[in-house]
Amino acid sequence: MKPLITPTEALRLAFRSSERLPLDTLTEADLVTAEERYLKPCLGGELLAAIRAGSYPTLLSDYLATPLALYARVVALPRTALHTSPIGHLAPKSDCGTAADEGSLRSLQRGLRREANTLLRRATSHLDGAAADYPEYTPDENLFMRCTTDGGFVQIR
């Protein structure tokens, strides 16, 4: 299954240009995993299938590409934090710096997920406001339409 955006586009959206990562840092599997884990519960399978088929390119480019890329980075982060070699798993180390500790990686993952969630909420708010334009969208299936706790606050949408 082809993802909604390419790994190259996801790298451009989810990482800074100064990070200079190899093109295979994010894979198609990372993107499809992110779609299934994060987008599908909010958009529904029918709308996701329609977007995958080429419908609603503006929705994809303006609302969904960036959160998808950020979610793919979250998915790939545990794999990219370590390098696997014939002698085992290695943490990167250089004379210019040290590898991030586990707490820093968790903090990065939380921050990325929070940013992506905010952008996905923006997308679902757009969908809710223009539901007639997206007949495949079922607001009742949107995961964000349930009670959540964000930032220590109970939110009922």
N, C-alpha and C. Protein backbone atom coordinates (compact mmCIF):
# COMPACT_ATOMS: atom_id res chain seq x y z
N MET A 1 0.85 -1.18 0.00
CA MET A 1 0.00 0.00 0.00
C MET A 1 0.90 1.24 0.00
N LYS A 2 0.63 2.14 -0.92
CA LYS A 2 1.39 3.38 -1.01
C LYS A 2 0.85 4.38 0.00
N PRO A 3 1.74 5.10 0.69
CA PRO A 3 1.30 6.11 1.65
C PRO A 3 0.77 7.36 0.94
N LEU A 4 0.11 8.21 1.70
CA LEU A 4 -0.47 9.43 1.15
C LEU A 4 0.59 10.42 0.66
N ILE A 5 1.74 10.44 1.32
CA ILE A 5 2.86 11.29 0.90
C ILE A 5 4.10 10.42 0.80
N THR A 6 5.11 10.91 0.11
CA THR A 6 6.34 10.14 -0.06
C THR A 6 7.24 10.30 1.17
N PRO A 7 8.13 9.35 1.39
CA PRO A 7 9.09 9.51 2.48
C PRO A 7 9.94 10.78 2.34
N THR A 8 10.28 11.15 1.12
CA THR A 8 11.07 12.37 0.91
C THR A 8 10.29 13.60 1.34
N GLU A 9 9.01 13.65 0.98
CA GLU A 9 8.17 14.78 1.41
C GLU A 9 8.02 14.79 2.93
N ALA A 10 7.86 13.62 3.52
CA ALA A 10 7.75 13.54 4.97
C ALA A 10 9.02 14.03 5.66
N LEU A 11 10.18 13.67 5.11
CA LEU A 11 11.44 14.17 5.68
C LEU A 11 11.49 15.70 5.64
N ARG A 12 11.06 16.27 4.53
CA ARG A 12 11.07 17.73 4.39
C ARG A 12 10.13 18.40 5.39
N LEU A 13 8.99 17.76 5.66
CA LEU A 13 7.99 18.36 6.56
C LEU A 13 8.28 18.12 8.04
N ALA A 14 8.90 17.01 8.38
CA ALA A 14 9.05 16.63 9.78
C ALA A 14 10.42 16.93 10.38
N PHE A 15 11.39 17.23 9.55
CA PHE A 15 12.75 17.49 10.04
C PHE A 15 13.24 18.83 9.52
N ARG A 16 14.17 19.43 10.24
CA ARG A 16 14.80 20.67 9.78
C ARG A 16 15.81 20.33 8.68
N SER A 17 16.03 21.25 7.79
CA SER A 17 16.98 21.01 6.69
C SER A 17 18.40 20.82 7.22
N SER A 18 18.71 21.39 8.37
CA SER A 18 20.06 21.26 8.93
C SER A 18 20.34 19.86 9.49
N GLU A 19 19.30 19.02 9.60
CA GLU A 19 19.52 17.69 10.18
C GLU A 19 20.15 16.73 9.18
N ARG A 20 20.09 17.01 7.90
CA ARG A 20 20.80 16.25 6.85
C ARG A 20 20.71 14.74 7.04
N LEU A 21 19.53 14.23 6.92
CA LEU A 21 19.30 12.80 7.13
C LEU A 21 19.28 12.05 5.82
N PRO A 22 19.64 10.77 5.85
CA PRO A 22 19.55 9.98 4.62
C PRO A 22 18.09 9.82 4.19
N LEU A 23 17.88 9.64 2.91
CA LEU A 23 16.52 9.55 2.37
C LEU A 23 15.73 8.37 2.93
N ASP A 24 16.42 7.34 3.40
CA ASP A 24 15.69 6.19 3.93
C ASP A 24 15.44 6.28 5.44
N THR A 25 15.59 7.47 6.01
CA THR A 25 15.31 7.66 7.44
C THR A 25 13.86 7.34 7.74
N LEU A 26 12.95 7.85 6.91
CA LEU A 26 11.53 7.50 7.01
C LEU A 26 11.19 6.59 5.85
N THR A 27 10.46 5.54 6.14
CA THR A 27 10.11 4.57 5.10
C THR A 27 8.62 4.65 4.78
N GLU A 28 8.24 4.02 3.69
CA GLU A 28 6.81 3.94 3.36
C GLU A 28 6.06 3.22 4.49
N ALA A 29 6.69 2.24 5.11
CA ALA A 29 6.05 1.51 6.21
C ALA A 29 5.79 2.44 7.40
N ASP A 30 6.71 3.36 7.68
CA ASP A 30 6.50 4.34 8.75
C ASP A 30 5.27 5.19 8.46
N LEU A 31 5.14 5.63 7.21
CA LEU A 31 4.02 6.48 6.83
C LEU A 31 2.69 5.72 6.87
N VAL A 32 2.68 4.50 6.37
CA VAL A 32 1.44 3.72 6.40
C VAL A 32 1.06 3.40 7.84
N THR A 33 2.04 3.08 8.67
CA THR A 33 1.77 2.84 10.09
C THR A 33 1.17 4.09 10.74
N ALA A 34 1.73 5.25 10.44
CA ALA A 34 1.21 6.50 10.99
C ALA A 34 -0.21 6.77 10.50
N GLU A 35 -0.48 6.49 9.23
CA GLU A 35 -1.83 6.67 8.69
C GLU A 35 -2.83 5.80 9.44
N GLU A 36 -2.48 4.53 9.60
CA GLU A 36 -3.39 3.58 10.25
C GLU A 36 -3.55 3.86 11.74
N ARG A 37 -2.46 4.23 12.40
CA ARG A 37 -2.49 4.44 13.85
C ARG A 37 -3.10 5.78 14.24
N TYR A 38 -2.86 6.83 13.46
CA TYR A 38 -3.26 8.17 13.87
C TYR A 38 -4.34 8.81 13.00
N LEU A 39 -4.22 8.71 11.68
CA LEU A 39 -5.19 9.38 10.81
C LEU A 39 -6.50 8.62 10.70
N LYS A 40 -6.43 7.33 10.48
CA LYS A 40 -7.64 6.54 10.26
C LYS A 40 -8.65 6.64 11.40
N PRO A 41 -8.24 6.60 12.68
CA PRO A 41 -9.23 6.73 13.75
C PRO A 41 -9.94 8.08 13.79
N CYS A 42 -9.36 9.09 13.15
CA CYS A 42 -9.98 10.42 13.15
C CYS A 42 -10.73 10.70 11.85
N LEU A 43 -10.19 10.24 10.75
CA LEU A 43 -10.79 10.52 9.44
C LEU A 43 -11.79 9.45 9.02
N GLY A 44 -11.58 8.23 9.48
CA GLY A 44 -12.40 7.11 9.04
C GLY A 44 -11.77 6.45 7.81
N GLY A 45 -12.06 5.18 7.64
CA GLY A 45 -11.48 4.42 6.55
C GLY A 45 -11.94 4.87 5.18
N GLU A 46 -13.20 5.29 5.05
CA GLU A 46 -13.71 5.70 3.75
C GLU A 46 -13.05 6.97 3.25
N LEU A 47 -12.92 7.97 4.11
CA LEU A 47 -12.28 9.21 3.69
C LEU A 47 -10.81 8.98 3.40
N LEU A 48 -10.15 8.18 4.23
CA LEU A 48 -8.74 7.89 4.00
C LEU A 48 -8.56 7.19 2.66
N ALA A 49 -9.44 6.26 2.33
CA ALA A 49 -9.38 5.57 1.03
C ALA A 49 -9.60 6.54 -0.12
N ALA A 50 -10.52 7.48 0.05
CA ALA A 50 -10.79 8.46 -1.00
C ALA A 50 -9.58 9.36 -1.22
N ILE A 51 -8.94 9.77 -0.15
CA ILE A 51 -7.74 10.60 -0.27
C ILE A 51 -6.63 9.80 -0.94
N ARG A 52 -6.48 8.55 -0.55
CA ARG A 52 -5.47 7.67 -1.15
C ARG A 52 -5.73 7.51 -2.65
N ALA A 53 -7.00 7.51 -3.05
CA ALA A 53 -7.36 7.35 -4.46
C ALA A 53 -7.18 8.65 -5.26
N GLY A 54 -6.80 9.73 -4.59
CA GLY A 54 -6.54 10.98 -5.30
C GLY A 54 -7.58 12.06 -5.09
N SER A 55 -8.63 11.76 -4.36
CA SER A 55 -9.63 12.79 -4.06
C SER A 55 -9.08 13.74 -2.99
N TYR A 56 -9.55 14.97 -3.01
CA TYR A 56 -9.24 15.98 -1.99
C TYR A 56 -7.75 16.28 -1.84
N PRO A 57 -7.06 16.60 -2.94
CA PRO A 57 -5.62 16.91 -2.83
C PRO A 57 -5.33 18.13 -1.96
N THR A 58 -6.25 19.09 -1.94
CA THR A 58 -6.04 20.28 -1.11
C THR A 58 -6.14 19.93 0.37
N LEU A 59 -7.07 19.07 0.73
CA LEU A 59 -7.18 18.61 2.11
C LEU A 59 -5.88 17.94 2.53
N LEU A 60 -5.33 17.12 1.65
CA LEU A 60 -4.08 16.43 1.96
C LEU A 60 -2.93 17.43 2.11
N SER A 61 -2.77 18.32 1.16
CA SER A 61 -1.62 19.23 1.21
C SER A 61 -1.74 20.29 2.31
N ASP A 62 -2.95 20.82 2.51
CA ASP A 62 -3.12 21.92 3.46
C ASP A 62 -3.34 21.47 4.91
N TYR A 63 -3.87 20.26 5.10
CA TYR A 63 -4.26 19.85 6.45
C TYR A 63 -3.63 18.55 6.95
N LEU A 64 -3.33 17.62 6.07
CA LEU A 64 -2.95 16.29 6.54
C LEU A 64 -1.48 15.92 6.36
N ALA A 65 -0.80 16.50 5.38
CA ALA A 65 0.57 16.09 5.09
C ALA A 65 1.51 16.33 6.26
N THR A 66 1.45 17.49 6.88
CA THR A 66 2.37 17.79 7.98
C THR A 66 2.12 16.93 9.21
N PRO A 67 0.86 16.79 9.68
CA PRO A 67 0.70 15.89 10.83
C PRO A 67 1.09 14.45 10.50
N LEU A 68 0.82 14.00 9.27
CA LEU A 68 1.23 12.65 8.89
C LEU A 68 2.75 12.51 8.96
N ALA A 69 3.47 13.49 8.47
CA ALA A 69 4.93 13.44 8.50
C ALA A 69 5.44 13.42 9.94
N LEU A 70 4.84 14.23 10.80
CA LEU A 70 5.25 14.25 12.21
C LEU A 70 4.95 12.93 12.90
N TYR A 71 3.79 12.35 12.62
CA TYR A 71 3.47 11.04 13.18
C TYR A 71 4.44 9.98 12.68
N ALA A 72 4.83 10.06 11.41
CA ALA A 72 5.79 9.09 10.87
C ALA A 72 7.14 9.23 11.59
N ARG A 73 7.50 10.45 11.93
CA ARG A 73 8.74 10.66 12.69
C ARG A 73 8.62 10.02 14.08
N VAL A 74 7.46 10.16 14.70
CA VAL A 74 7.23 9.52 16.00
C VAL A 74 7.37 8.00 15.87
N VAL A 75 6.79 7.45 14.82
CA VAL A 75 6.86 6.00 14.59
C VAL A 75 8.31 5.56 14.40
N ALA A 76 9.09 6.32 13.65
CA ALA A 76 10.46 5.94 13.31
C ALA A 76 11.48 6.25 14.40
N LEU A 77 11.13 7.11 15.35
CA LEU A 77 12.10 7.58 16.33
C LEU A 77 12.82 6.47 17.09
N PRO A 78 12.13 5.46 17.61
CA PRO A 78 12.88 4.42 18.33
C PRO A 78 13.92 3.71 17.44
N ARG A 79 13.58 3.53 16.18
CA ARG A 79 14.50 2.86 15.26
C ARG A 79 15.66 3.77 14.88
N THR A 80 15.42 5.06 14.77
CA THR A 80 16.48 5.97 14.34
C THR A 80 17.39 6.39 15.48
N ALA A 81 16.98 6.16 16.71
CA ALA A 81 17.80 6.55 17.87
C ALA A 81 18.99 5.60 18.07
N LEU A 82 18.89 4.40 17.53
CA LEU A 82 19.96 3.42 17.64
C LEU A 82 20.36 2.94 16.25
N HIS A 83 21.58 2.51 16.13
CA HIS A 83 22.06 1.93 14.89
C HIS A 83 22.32 0.45 15.13
N THR A 84 21.93 -0.38 14.20
CA THR A 84 22.16 -1.81 14.33
C THR A 84 23.34 -2.20 13.45
N SER A 85 24.23 -2.95 14.03
CA SER A 85 25.42 -3.40 13.31
C SER A 85 25.61 -4.89 13.58
N PRO A 86 26.55 -5.53 12.93
CA PRO A 86 26.80 -6.95 13.21
C PRO A 86 27.17 -7.23 14.66
N ILE A 87 27.65 -6.21 15.39
CA ILE A 87 28.02 -6.44 16.79
C ILE A 87 26.93 -6.04 17.77
N GLY A 88 25.78 -5.58 17.26
CA GLY A 88 24.67 -5.24 18.14
C GLY A 88 24.12 -3.86 17.87
N HIS A 89 23.34 -3.36 18.83
CA HIS A 89 22.72 -2.04 18.72
C HIS A 89 23.66 -1.00 19.33
N LEU A 90 23.85 0.09 18.61
CA LEU A 90 24.79 1.12 19.05
C LEU A 90 24.11 2.47 19.09
N ALA A 91 24.45 3.26 20.10
CA ALA A 91 24.00 4.65 20.17
C ALA A 91 25.06 5.51 19.51
N PRO A 92 24.64 6.49 18.69
CA PRO A 92 25.64 7.33 18.04
C PRO A 92 26.46 8.14 19.06
N LYS A 93 27.72 8.33 18.75
CA LYS A 93 28.59 9.11 19.63
C LYS A 93 29.66 9.77 18.75
N SER A 94 29.96 11.00 19.08
CA SER A 94 31.02 11.69 18.34
C SER A 94 31.76 12.61 19.29
N ASP A 95 32.83 13.21 18.79
CA ASP A 95 33.60 14.17 19.59
C ASP A 95 32.83 15.47 19.78
N CYS A 96 31.84 15.73 18.89
CA CYS A 96 31.10 16.99 18.92
C CYS A 96 29.87 16.95 19.81
N GLY A 97 29.47 15.77 20.26
CA GLY A 97 28.27 15.68 21.07
C GLY A 97 28.05 14.26 21.56
N THR A 98 26.97 14.07 22.31
CA THR A 98 26.65 12.75 22.81
C THR A 98 25.23 12.39 22.39
N ALA A 99 24.95 11.12 22.44
CA ALA A 99 23.61 10.65 22.09
C ALA A 99 22.61 11.13 23.14
N ALA A 100 21.40 11.41 22.68
CA ALA A 100 20.34 11.85 23.60
C ALA A 100 19.98 10.72 24.55
N ASP A 101 19.68 11.08 25.79
CA ASP A 101 19.28 10.05 26.75
C ASP A 101 17.80 9.68 26.53
N GLU A 102 17.36 8.65 27.20
CA GLU A 102 16.01 8.15 27.01
C GLU A 102 14.94 9.20 27.35
N GLY A 103 15.17 9.97 28.39
CA GLY A 103 14.22 11.02 28.77
C GLY A 103 14.07 12.08 27.68
N SER A 104 15.19 12.45 27.06
CA SER A 104 15.14 13.44 25.98
C SER A 104 14.38 12.89 24.78
N LEU A 105 14.61 11.62 24.47
CA LEU A 105 13.90 11.00 23.34
C LEU A 105 12.39 10.94 23.61
N ARG A 106 12.03 10.59 24.84
CA ARG A 106 10.60 10.56 25.19
C ARG A 106 9.98 11.95 25.12
N SER A 107 10.73 12.94 25.58
CA SER A 107 10.25 14.31 25.52
C SER A 107 10.06 14.77 24.07
N LEU A 108 10.99 14.43 23.21
CA LEU A 108 10.86 14.74 21.79
C LEU A 108 9.64 14.06 21.19
N GLN A 109 9.46 12.79 21.51
CA GLN A 109 8.32 12.04 21.00
C GLN A 109 7.00 12.65 21.45
N ARG A 110 6.92 13.04 22.72
CA ARG A 110 5.70 13.68 23.24
C ARG A 110 5.44 15.00 22.53
N GLY A 111 6.47 15.79 22.34
CA GLY A 111 6.33 17.08 21.68
C GLY A 111 5.88 16.93 20.23
N LEU A 112 6.47 15.98 19.53
CA LEU A 112 6.07 15.72 18.14
C LEU A 112 4.62 15.26 18.06
N ARG A 113 4.25 14.36 18.97
CA ARG A 113 2.87 13.85 18.98
C ARG A 113 1.89 14.97 19.31
N ARG A 114 2.25 15.84 20.24
CA ARG A 114 1.37 16.96 20.62
C ARG A 114 1.18 17.92 19.44
N GLU A 115 2.27 18.23 18.74
CA GLU A 115 2.17 19.11 17.57
C GLU A 115 1.32 18.47 16.48
N ALA A 116 1.56 17.20 16.22
CA ALA A 116 0.78 16.49 15.19
C ALA A 116 -0.69 16.41 15.58
N ASN A 117 -0.98 16.14 16.86
CA ASN A 117 -2.37 16.09 17.32
C ASN A 117 -3.07 17.44 17.12
N THR A 118 -2.36 18.52 17.41
CA THR A 118 -2.93 19.85 17.23
C THR A 118 -3.27 20.10 15.77
N LEU A 119 -2.37 19.72 14.88
CA LEU A 119 -2.62 19.90 13.45
C LEU A 119 -3.73 18.99 12.95
N LEU A 120 -3.81 17.78 13.49
CA LEU A 120 -4.89 16.87 13.09
C LEU A 120 -6.24 17.36 13.61
N ARG A 121 -6.25 17.93 14.80
CA ARG A 121 -7.49 18.55 15.31
C ARG A 121 -7.93 19.69 14.40
N ARG A 122 -6.97 20.46 13.92
CA ARG A 122 -7.28 21.53 12.97
C ARG A 122 -7.92 20.94 11.72
N ALA A 123 -7.39 19.84 11.23
CA ALA A 123 -7.95 19.18 10.04
C ALA A 123 -9.36 18.68 10.29
N THR A 124 -9.59 18.06 11.45
CA THR A 124 -10.94 17.55 11.72
C THR A 124 -11.92 18.68 11.97
N SER A 125 -11.45 19.79 12.51
CA SER A 125 -12.33 20.96 12.64
C SER A 125 -12.74 21.47 11.27
N HIS A 126 -11.80 21.48 10.35
CA HIS A 126 -12.13 21.87 8.96
C HIS A 126 -13.15 20.90 8.38
N LEU A 127 -12.93 19.61 8.59
CA LEU A 127 -13.86 18.60 8.07
C LEU A 127 -15.25 18.77 8.69
N ASP A 128 -15.30 19.02 9.98
CA ASP A 128 -16.59 19.20 10.66
C ASP A 128 -17.33 20.42 10.10
N GLY A 129 -16.59 21.47 9.78
CA GLY A 129 -17.20 22.69 9.26
C GLY A 129 -17.63 22.60 7.81
N ALA A 130 -17.07 21.64 7.10
CA ALA A 130 -17.39 21.49 5.67
C ALA A 130 -17.78 20.06 5.37
N ALA A 131 -18.54 19.45 6.25
CA ALA A 131 -18.90 18.03 6.12
C ALA A 131 -19.59 17.71 4.80
N ALA A 132 -20.35 18.64 4.26
CA ALA A 132 -21.05 18.40 2.99
C ALA A 132 -20.06 18.22 1.84
N ASP A 133 -18.87 18.80 1.95
CA ASP A 133 -17.86 18.68 0.90
C ASP A 133 -17.11 17.34 0.96
N TYR A 134 -17.25 16.63 2.06
CA TYR A 134 -16.54 15.36 2.26
C TYR A 134 -17.54 14.28 2.67
N PRO A 135 -18.32 13.75 1.73
CA PRO A 135 -19.36 12.79 2.10
C PRO A 135 -18.84 11.50 2.74
N GLU A 136 -17.57 11.18 2.53
CA GLU A 136 -16.99 9.95 3.12
C GLU A 136 -16.66 10.14 4.60
N TYR A 137 -16.63 11.37 5.06
CA TYR A 137 -16.27 11.65 6.45
C TYR A 137 -17.47 11.44 7.36
N THR A 138 -17.24 10.69 8.43
CA THR A 138 -18.28 10.43 9.43
C THR A 138 -17.81 11.02 10.75
N PRO A 139 -18.31 12.20 11.13
CA PRO A 139 -17.82 12.86 12.36
C PRO A 139 -17.97 12.00 13.61
N ASP A 140 -18.99 11.16 13.67
CA ASP A 140 -19.20 10.34 14.87
C ASP A 140 -18.07 9.33 15.09
N GLU A 141 -17.34 8.99 14.03
CA GLU A 141 -16.24 8.03 14.15
C GLU A 141 -14.92 8.71 14.51
N ASN A 142 -14.91 10.03 14.51
CA ASN A 142 -13.69 10.78 14.78
C ASN A 142 -13.26 10.56 16.24
N LEU A 143 -12.08 10.07 16.42
CA LEU A 143 -11.54 9.81 17.75
C LEU A 143 -11.52 11.07 18.61
N PHE A 144 -11.31 12.22 17.99
CA PHE A 144 -11.28 13.48 18.74
C PHE A 144 -12.66 13.92 19.20
N MET A 145 -13.70 13.27 18.75
CA MET A 145 -15.06 13.62 19.16
C MET A 145 -15.43 12.99 20.50
N ARG A 146 -14.44 12.43 21.16
CA ARG A 146 -14.65 11.81 22.46
C ARG A 146 -13.99 12.66 23.53
N CYS A 147 -14.28 12.32 24.76
CA CYS A 147 -13.69 13.02 25.89
C CYS A 147 -12.19 12.71 25.95
N THR A 148 -11.36 13.75 26.05
CA THR A 148 -9.92 13.57 26.14
C THR A 148 -9.36 14.44 27.26
N THR A 149 -8.15 14.13 27.66
CA THR A 149 -7.44 14.99 28.60
C THR A 149 -6.17 15.45 27.91
N ASP A 150 -6.13 16.71 27.59
CA ASP A 150 -4.96 17.30 26.96
C ASP A 150 -4.42 18.39 27.86
N GLY A 151 -3.16 18.30 28.18
CA GLY A 151 -2.55 19.33 29.02
C GLY A 151 -3.16 19.41 30.40
N GLY A 152 -3.72 18.30 30.89
CA GLY A 152 -4.29 18.29 32.22
C GLY A 152 -5.71 18.79 32.28
N PHE A 153 -6.33 19.10 31.13
CA PHE A 153 -7.69 19.59 31.08
C PHE A 153 -8.58 18.55 30.41
N VAL A 154 -9.76 18.35 30.97
CA VAL A 154 -10.73 17.46 30.34
C VAL A 154 -11.42 18.25 29.24
N GLN A 155 -11.40 17.67 28.02
CA GLN A 155 -12.01 18.35 26.89
C GLN A 155 -13.05 17.45 26.28
N ILE A 156 -14.27 17.97 26.17
CA ILE A 156 -15.34 17.24 25.51
C ILE A 156 -15.72 18.04 24.29
N ARG A 157 -15.58 17.45 23.14
CA ARG A 157 -15.84 18.16 21.91
C ARG A 157 -17.17 17.79 21.34
